[in-house]
Protein backbone atom coordinates (compact mmCIF):
# COMPACT_ATOMS: atom_id res chain seq x y z
CA MET A 1 89.58 128.61 127.15
CA PRO A 2 90.00 124.84 127.55
CA GLN A 3 93.57 123.64 127.59
CA SER A 4 94.58 120.18 126.44
CA THR A 5 94.38 119.00 130.06
CA ASP A 6 90.63 119.65 129.86
CA LEU A 7 90.29 117.09 127.06
CA LEU A 8 89.03 113.59 127.81
CA GLN A 9 91.88 111.14 128.08
CA GLY A 10 92.72 109.84 124.61
CA THR A 11 91.05 112.75 122.83
CA LEU A 12 94.36 114.53 122.24
CA ASP A 13 95.68 111.39 120.55
CA LEU A 14 92.64 111.36 118.26
CA LEU A 15 93.08 115.05 117.40
CA ILE A 16 96.78 114.58 116.63
CA LEU A 17 96.18 111.53 114.43
CA ARG A 18 93.42 113.34 112.51
CA THR A 19 95.57 116.42 112.08
CA LEU A 20 98.33 114.36 110.44
CA VAL A 21 96.05 112.81 107.79
CA PRO A 22 96.74 115.40 105.05
CA GLU A 23 100.50 115.72 105.54
CA PRO A 24 103.42 115.37 107.97
CA MET A 25 103.76 118.30 110.36
CA HIS A 26 106.10 119.49 113.09
CA GLY A 27 104.83 119.78 116.67
CA TRP A 28 104.14 123.51 116.65
CA GLY A 29 102.23 123.13 113.37
CA ILE A 30 100.10 120.34 114.85
CA ALA A 31 99.21 122.50 117.86
CA GLN A 32 98.38 125.46 115.60
CA ARG A 33 96.22 123.34 113.27
CA ILE A 34 94.23 121.91 116.20
CA GLN A 35 93.76 125.40 117.64
CA GLN A 36 92.59 126.78 114.29
CA ALA A 37 90.35 123.80 113.47
CA SER A 38 88.69 124.04 116.90
CA GLN A 39 88.07 127.76 116.35
CA GLU A 40 90.49 128.60 119.17
CA VAL A 41 88.72 126.37 121.72
CA PHE A 42 91.70 124.04 122.18
CA GLN A 43 95.13 125.39 122.96
CA ILE A 44 97.57 122.50 123.18
CA GLY A 45 100.58 123.30 125.31
CA GLN A 46 104.02 121.78 124.80
CA GLY A 47 103.71 119.96 128.13
CA SER A 48 100.79 117.97 126.72
CA LEU A 49 101.66 117.84 123.03
CA TYR A 50 105.17 116.40 123.10
CA PRO A 51 104.45 113.58 125.58
CA ALA A 52 101.47 112.65 123.39
CA LEU A 53 103.63 112.69 120.24
CA HIS A 54 106.24 110.49 121.93
CA ARG A 55 103.52 108.09 123.12
CA LEU A 56 102.03 107.85 119.61
CA GLU A 57 105.48 107.30 118.13
CA TYR A 58 106.21 104.57 120.69
CA LYS A 59 102.94 102.84 119.74
CA GLY A 60 103.93 102.95 116.08
CA TRP A 61 100.99 105.16 115.08
CA ILE A 62 103.23 107.99 113.89
CA GLN A 63 106.84 108.23 112.78
CA ALA A 64 109.19 111.17 113.05
CA ASP A 65 111.91 112.52 110.74
CA TRP A 66 114.10 115.59 111.03
CA LYS A 67 113.57 118.04 108.16
CA ALA A 68 114.03 121.73 107.43
CA SER A 69 110.98 123.78 108.44
CA GLU A 70 109.49 126.72 106.56
CA ASN A 71 112.08 129.05 108.11
CA ASN A 72 115.01 126.68 107.33
CA ARG A 73 115.35 125.49 110.92
CA LYS A 74 115.61 121.81 111.69
CA ALA A 75 112.34 120.42 113.04
CA LYS A 76 110.98 116.99 113.81
CA TYR A 77 108.13 116.21 111.41
CA TYR A 78 105.55 113.64 112.39
CA ALA A 79 103.68 111.46 109.88
CA LEU A 80 100.84 109.00 110.25
CA THR A 81 101.83 105.34 109.72
CA ARG A 82 99.64 102.66 108.18
CA THR A 83 98.98 101.35 111.70
CA GLY A 84 98.14 104.91 112.78
CA LYS A 85 95.56 105.22 110.00
CA LYS A 86 93.85 102.03 111.19
CA GLN A 87 93.98 103.28 114.77
CA LEU A 88 92.48 106.60 113.70
CA GLU A 89 89.50 104.77 112.18
CA ALA A 90 89.02 102.83 115.43
CA GLU A 91 89.36 106.03 117.51
CA ILE A 92 86.75 107.82 115.38
CA GLU A 93 84.30 104.91 115.79
CA SER A 94 84.90 104.95 119.55
CA TRP A 95 84.43 108.73 119.67
CA ASP A 96 81.17 108.48 117.73
CA ARG A 97 79.85 105.88 120.21
CA LEU A 98 80.93 108.01 123.18
CA ALA A 99 79.41 111.22 121.77
CA GLY A 100 76.18 109.39 120.97
CA ALA A 101 75.95 108.01 124.50
CA VAL A 102 76.60 111.43 126.02
CA ALA A 103 73.90 112.92 123.79
CA LEU A 104 71.41 110.28 124.96
CA VAL A 105 72.12 111.06 128.60
CA LEU A 106 71.84 114.81 128.01
CA GLU A 107 68.50 114.39 126.24
CA GLN A 108 67.08 112.56 129.25
CA ALA A 109 68.46 114.92 131.89
C-alpha cells in the first residue's frame, strides 16, 4: 500500500488542508480520516504527518490548540485558517491542472 512518502510533493499538504475543512482534528484523527477517505490506499505515518502539520502551521494555513480528546487526553487540534482556506482553493486548482495534464499524456501513450 502506498505510504505518504509515495505521494507527490505537496499532495500531503493538500490532503491535510481538505481534511480539516469540516472541523478541527488532532493528528491521529487527520491520518485516520485520510486513510478512510482514500479507501485505505494512503497510510500517513507520524514521520510524515507531523512535519507536514508543523510546516502548515508555520505558513499560517492551520492553527493548533490543545484540547481534550474523545478519551479525555490532551491533544493538539489543528484547524484551517482563513489563509489556509484560500490556499486550499489554490491547491485544488493546481491539482486539477496537474491531473488533467497527466491524463492527456496517458491518453497519448
